[in-house]
N, C-alpha and C. Protein backbone atom coordinates (compact mmCIF):
# COMPACT_ATOMS: atom_id res chain seq x y z
N MET A 1 2.02 14.06 -50.21
CA MET A 1 2.04 13.11 -49.10
C MET A 1 0.85 12.17 -49.20
N LYS A 2 1.12 10.94 -48.88
CA LYS A 2 0.06 9.95 -48.90
C LYS A 2 -0.73 10.02 -47.60
N PRO A 3 -2.03 9.79 -47.67
CA PRO A 3 -2.81 9.73 -46.45
C PRO A 3 -2.33 8.55 -45.60
N GLY A 4 -2.34 8.73 -44.30
CA GLY A 4 -1.96 7.67 -43.39
C GLY A 4 -0.48 7.57 -43.11
N TRP A 5 0.33 8.45 -43.63
CA TRP A 5 1.79 8.39 -43.41
C TRP A 5 2.17 8.70 -41.97
N ILE A 6 1.33 9.46 -41.28
CA ILE A 6 1.69 9.88 -39.92
C ILE A 6 1.58 8.74 -38.90
N PHE A 7 0.68 7.79 -39.12
CA PHE A 7 0.50 6.72 -38.15
C PHE A 7 1.77 5.89 -37.94
N PRO A 8 2.44 5.40 -38.99
CA PRO A 8 3.66 4.62 -38.74
C PRO A 8 4.74 5.42 -38.01
N ILE A 9 4.85 6.70 -38.28
CA ILE A 9 5.85 7.53 -37.60
C ILE A 9 5.47 7.70 -36.14
N ALA A 10 4.22 7.99 -35.87
CA ALA A 10 3.76 8.17 -34.49
C ALA A 10 3.91 6.88 -33.70
N ALA A 11 3.59 5.76 -34.31
CA ALA A 11 3.72 4.47 -33.63
C ALA A 11 5.18 4.18 -33.30
N THR A 12 6.08 4.51 -34.20
CA THR A 12 7.50 4.30 -33.97
C THR A 12 7.99 5.18 -32.82
N LEU A 13 7.58 6.43 -32.79
CA LEU A 13 8.00 7.34 -31.72
C LEU A 13 7.43 6.90 -30.37
N MET A 14 6.20 6.46 -30.33
CA MET A 14 5.55 6.07 -29.08
C MET A 14 6.15 4.78 -28.52
N ALA A 15 6.69 3.92 -29.37
CA ALA A 15 7.25 2.65 -28.91
C ALA A 15 8.44 2.87 -27.98
N GLY A 16 9.14 3.99 -28.12
CA GLY A 16 10.30 4.27 -27.29
C GLY A 16 9.98 4.92 -25.96
N ILE A 17 8.73 5.25 -25.73
CA ILE A 17 8.33 5.91 -24.49
C ILE A 17 7.93 4.85 -23.47
N SER A 18 8.53 4.92 -22.29
CA SER A 18 8.14 3.97 -21.26
C SER A 18 7.11 4.62 -20.34
N VAL A 19 6.14 3.87 -19.96
CA VAL A 19 5.07 4.35 -19.09
C VAL A 19 5.35 3.80 -17.70
N PRO A 20 5.43 4.69 -16.68
CA PRO A 20 5.69 4.20 -15.33
C PRO A 20 4.52 3.35 -14.83
N ALA A 21 4.86 2.36 -14.01
CA ALA A 21 3.82 1.51 -13.44
C ALA A 21 2.95 2.31 -12.49
N GLN A 22 1.67 2.01 -12.48
CA GLN A 22 0.76 2.70 -11.58
C GLN A 22 0.91 2.14 -10.18
N ALA A 23 0.73 3.01 -9.22
CA ALA A 23 0.77 2.58 -7.82
C ALA A 23 -0.45 1.70 -7.55
N ALA A 24 -0.25 0.73 -6.70
CA ALA A 24 -1.32 -0.20 -6.33
C ALA A 24 -1.92 0.21 -4.99
N THR A 25 -3.09 -0.32 -4.71
CA THR A 25 -3.72 -0.13 -3.41
C THR A 25 -3.85 -1.49 -2.74
N LEU A 26 -3.32 -1.57 -1.54
CA LEU A 26 -3.33 -2.81 -0.76
C LEU A 26 -4.26 -2.62 0.43
N GLN A 27 -5.12 -3.59 0.68
CA GLN A 27 -6.03 -3.51 1.82
C GLN A 27 -5.53 -4.41 2.94
N ILE A 28 -5.40 -3.81 4.13
CA ILE A 28 -5.05 -4.55 5.33
C ILE A 28 -6.19 -4.33 6.32
N THR A 29 -6.73 -5.43 6.83
CA THR A 29 -7.95 -5.37 7.65
C THR A 29 -7.68 -5.78 9.09
N MET A 30 -8.29 -5.04 10.01
CA MET A 30 -8.33 -5.40 11.42
C MET A 30 -9.76 -5.86 11.70
N ASP A 31 -9.90 -7.14 12.05
CA ASP A 31 -11.23 -7.69 12.26
C ASP A 31 -11.13 -8.79 13.32
N ASN A 32 -11.97 -8.73 14.33
CA ASN A 32 -11.95 -9.69 15.44
C ASN A 32 -10.56 -9.78 16.09
N LEU A 33 -9.92 -8.61 16.23
CA LEU A 33 -8.60 -8.49 16.86
C LEU A 33 -7.51 -9.26 16.12
N VAL A 34 -7.66 -9.37 14.78
CA VAL A 34 -6.68 -10.04 13.94
C VAL A 34 -6.35 -9.12 12.76
N ILE A 35 -5.05 -9.04 12.40
CA ILE A 35 -4.62 -8.28 11.22
C ILE A 35 -4.54 -9.26 10.06
N SER A 36 -5.16 -8.89 8.95
CA SER A 36 -5.17 -9.76 7.78
C SER A 36 -4.89 -8.94 6.52
N PRO A 37 -3.93 -9.35 5.71
CA PRO A 37 -3.07 -10.51 5.86
C PRO A 37 -1.99 -10.26 6.92
N ALA A 38 -1.49 -11.33 7.49
CA ALA A 38 -0.44 -11.23 8.52
C ALA A 38 0.89 -10.84 7.89
N GLU A 39 1.09 -11.17 6.62
CA GLU A 39 2.28 -10.75 5.88
C GLU A 39 1.82 -10.19 4.55
N ALA A 40 2.31 -8.99 4.23
CA ALA A 40 1.93 -8.34 2.99
C ALA A 40 3.15 -7.75 2.30
N SER A 41 3.07 -7.62 0.98
CA SER A 41 4.14 -7.02 0.19
C SER A 41 3.56 -5.90 -0.66
N ALA A 42 4.37 -4.86 -0.84
CA ALA A 42 3.96 -3.71 -1.63
C ALA A 42 5.21 -3.03 -2.17
N LYS A 43 5.02 -1.90 -2.85
CA LYS A 43 6.14 -1.12 -3.39
C LYS A 43 6.03 0.32 -2.90
N VAL A 44 7.17 0.98 -2.87
CA VAL A 44 7.18 2.41 -2.52
C VAL A 44 6.22 3.12 -3.48
N GLY A 45 5.39 3.98 -2.95
CA GLY A 45 4.39 4.70 -3.75
C GLY A 45 3.02 4.07 -3.71
N ASP A 46 2.93 2.81 -3.30
CA ASP A 46 1.63 2.15 -3.17
C ASP A 46 0.87 2.75 -1.98
N THR A 47 -0.44 2.59 -2.01
CA THR A 47 -1.31 3.06 -0.94
C THR A 47 -1.82 1.87 -0.14
N ILE A 48 -1.85 2.04 1.16
CA ILE A 48 -2.47 1.02 2.01
C ILE A 48 -3.79 1.58 2.52
N GLU A 49 -4.83 0.80 2.37
CA GLU A 49 -6.12 1.08 3.00
C GLU A 49 -6.16 0.24 4.27
N TRP A 50 -6.08 0.90 5.40
CA TRP A 50 -6.15 0.24 6.70
C TRP A 50 -7.63 0.19 7.08
N ILE A 51 -8.23 -0.97 7.05
CA ILE A 51 -9.67 -1.12 7.29
C ILE A 51 -9.88 -1.70 8.69
N ASN A 52 -10.53 -0.93 9.54
CA ASN A 52 -10.82 -1.38 10.90
C ASN A 52 -12.30 -1.77 10.97
N ARG A 53 -12.57 -3.06 11.05
CA ARG A 53 -13.95 -3.56 11.13
C ARG A 53 -14.38 -3.79 12.57
N ASP A 54 -13.45 -3.60 13.50
CA ASP A 54 -13.76 -3.82 14.91
C ASP A 54 -14.45 -2.61 15.53
N VAL A 55 -14.99 -2.82 16.72
CA VAL A 55 -15.60 -1.73 17.48
C VAL A 55 -14.56 -1.05 18.38
N PHE A 56 -13.30 -1.48 18.25
CA PHE A 56 -12.20 -0.91 19.03
C PHE A 56 -11.32 -0.05 18.13
N VAL A 57 -10.67 0.94 18.72
CA VAL A 57 -9.65 1.70 18.01
C VAL A 57 -8.41 0.80 17.90
N HIS A 58 -7.76 0.84 16.72
CA HIS A 58 -6.52 0.10 16.51
C HIS A 58 -5.45 1.04 15.98
N THR A 59 -4.20 0.57 16.03
CA THR A 59 -3.11 1.27 15.37
C THR A 59 -2.33 0.26 14.54
N ALA A 60 -1.60 0.77 13.59
CA ALA A 60 -0.58 -0.01 12.88
C ALA A 60 0.71 0.72 13.20
N THR A 61 1.43 0.22 14.18
CA THR A 61 2.62 0.89 14.70
C THR A 61 3.86 0.06 14.32
N ALA A 62 4.71 0.64 13.50
CA ALA A 62 5.93 -0.05 13.07
C ALA A 62 6.92 -0.12 14.23
N ARG A 63 7.50 -1.27 14.43
CA ARG A 63 8.48 -1.44 15.51
C ARG A 63 9.73 -0.60 15.28
N ASN A 64 10.04 -0.29 14.01
CA ASN A 64 11.23 0.51 13.71
C ASN A 64 10.92 2.01 13.60
N GLY A 65 9.68 2.41 13.85
CA GLY A 65 9.31 3.82 13.82
C GLY A 65 8.94 4.37 12.45
N ASP A 66 8.89 3.52 11.41
CA ASP A 66 8.57 4.00 10.06
C ASP A 66 7.17 4.59 9.93
N PHE A 67 6.21 4.05 10.66
CA PHE A 67 4.83 4.56 10.59
C PHE A 67 4.08 4.26 11.87
N ASP A 68 3.05 5.04 12.11
CA ASP A 68 2.16 4.84 13.25
C ASP A 68 0.79 5.36 12.82
N VAL A 69 -0.06 4.46 12.37
CA VAL A 69 -1.37 4.82 11.82
C VAL A 69 -2.44 4.55 12.86
N ASN A 70 -3.26 5.55 13.12
CA ASN A 70 -4.37 5.42 14.07
C ASN A 70 -5.65 5.14 13.28
N MET A 71 -6.40 4.10 13.69
CA MET A 71 -7.62 3.71 13.00
C MET A 71 -8.81 3.73 13.94
N PRO A 72 -9.68 4.71 13.81
CA PRO A 72 -10.89 4.71 14.63
C PRO A 72 -11.74 3.47 14.33
N ALA A 73 -12.59 3.12 15.27
CA ALA A 73 -13.47 1.97 15.11
C ALA A 73 -14.35 2.13 13.87
N LYS A 74 -14.49 1.02 13.14
CA LYS A 74 -15.37 0.96 11.96
C LYS A 74 -15.02 1.98 10.87
N LYS A 75 -13.75 2.36 10.76
CA LYS A 75 -13.32 3.35 9.77
C LYS A 75 -12.19 2.79 8.91
N THR A 76 -11.96 3.43 7.77
CA THR A 76 -10.84 3.11 6.88
C THR A 76 -9.95 4.34 6.79
N VAL A 77 -8.64 4.10 6.90
CA VAL A 77 -7.64 5.16 6.84
C VAL A 77 -6.65 4.76 5.75
N THR A 78 -6.13 5.73 5.00
CA THR A 78 -5.15 5.41 3.96
C THR A 78 -3.81 6.07 4.26
N SER A 79 -2.75 5.41 3.77
CA SER A 79 -1.41 6.00 3.84
C SER A 79 -0.63 5.53 2.63
N VAL A 80 0.34 6.35 2.21
CA VAL A 80 1.18 6.03 1.05
C VAL A 80 2.55 5.59 1.57
N LEU A 81 3.06 4.51 1.01
CA LEU A 81 4.35 3.97 1.42
C LEU A 81 5.48 4.79 0.81
N LYS A 82 6.38 5.26 1.66
CA LYS A 82 7.44 6.16 1.20
C LYS A 82 8.83 5.56 1.30
N GLN A 83 8.96 4.39 1.94
CA GLN A 83 10.28 3.87 2.24
C GLN A 83 10.30 2.35 2.07
N ALA A 84 11.36 1.85 1.45
CA ALA A 84 11.51 0.40 1.24
C ALA A 84 12.05 -0.27 2.50
N GLY A 85 11.74 -1.55 2.63
CA GLY A 85 12.24 -2.33 3.76
C GLY A 85 11.17 -3.25 4.29
N THR A 86 11.57 -4.09 5.22
CA THR A 86 10.64 -5.01 5.88
C THR A 86 10.41 -4.52 7.30
N THR A 87 9.14 -4.39 7.65
CA THR A 87 8.78 -3.82 8.94
C THR A 87 7.77 -4.71 9.65
N GLU A 88 8.05 -5.03 10.89
CA GLU A 88 7.05 -5.68 11.72
C GLU A 88 6.26 -4.57 12.40
N TYR A 89 4.95 -4.77 12.49
CA TYR A 89 4.11 -3.77 13.14
C TYR A 89 3.06 -4.45 14.00
N TYR A 90 2.43 -3.66 14.86
CA TYR A 90 1.46 -4.20 15.82
C TYR A 90 0.47 -3.10 16.18
N CYS A 91 -0.54 -3.47 16.95
CA CYS A 91 -1.50 -2.50 17.48
C CYS A 91 -1.05 -2.14 18.90
N ARG A 92 -0.86 -0.84 19.15
CA ARG A 92 -0.42 -0.41 20.48
C ARG A 92 -1.43 -0.75 21.57
N PHE A 93 -2.72 -0.79 21.22
CA PHE A 93 -3.76 -1.08 22.20
C PHE A 93 -3.98 -2.58 22.40
N HIS A 94 -3.59 -3.36 21.41
CA HIS A 94 -3.77 -4.82 21.44
C HIS A 94 -2.48 -5.45 20.90
N PRO A 95 -1.42 -5.50 21.72
CA PRO A 95 -0.09 -5.92 21.25
C PRO A 95 -0.02 -7.34 20.68
N ASN A 96 -1.04 -8.16 20.94
CA ASN A 96 -1.06 -9.50 20.35
C ASN A 96 -1.39 -9.46 18.86
N MET A 97 -1.88 -8.30 18.37
CA MET A 97 -2.16 -8.11 16.94
C MET A 97 -0.85 -7.71 16.27
N LYS A 98 -0.26 -8.64 15.50
CA LYS A 98 1.03 -8.40 14.88
C LYS A 98 0.99 -8.79 13.40
N ALA A 99 1.83 -8.12 12.61
CA ALA A 99 1.93 -8.45 11.18
C ALA A 99 3.27 -7.94 10.64
N LYS A 100 3.52 -8.26 9.38
CA LYS A 100 4.77 -7.84 8.75
C LYS A 100 4.46 -7.28 7.36
N LEU A 101 5.13 -6.17 7.03
CA LEU A 101 4.96 -5.50 5.73
C LEU A 101 6.32 -5.39 5.06
N THR A 102 6.43 -5.90 3.84
CA THR A 102 7.66 -5.79 3.06
C THR A 102 7.39 -4.83 1.91
N VAL A 103 8.21 -3.77 1.84
CA VAL A 103 8.04 -2.74 0.81
C VAL A 103 9.28 -2.76 -0.09
N ALA A 104 9.07 -3.02 -1.37
CA ALA A 104 10.14 -3.03 -2.35
C ALA A 104 10.32 -1.62 -2.92
N PRO A 105 11.53 -1.30 -3.38
CA PRO A 105 11.76 0.04 -3.97
C PRO A 105 10.94 0.27 -5.21
């Protein structure tokens, strides 16, 4: 056997293997009683970092019941997206704080 024969075989075998996409992390911020971004997109399996920069407690409450995240003042909370769809959400304590999240499969 010639030295180096294994590399072309290994490269050929590896070319047929697909690597799943890594989940992303999306940051959504509550600051000065505003949710930013007001519209966000993500995929199932992605993580959301809910960042509360206010001195007030906030929630991210989905109008369709998909999620209800409680965010203590000056804290960051994470959640993983489990379901596809478009959801409008708001803060239960400050209903004027509204946003929309679109989750792709």
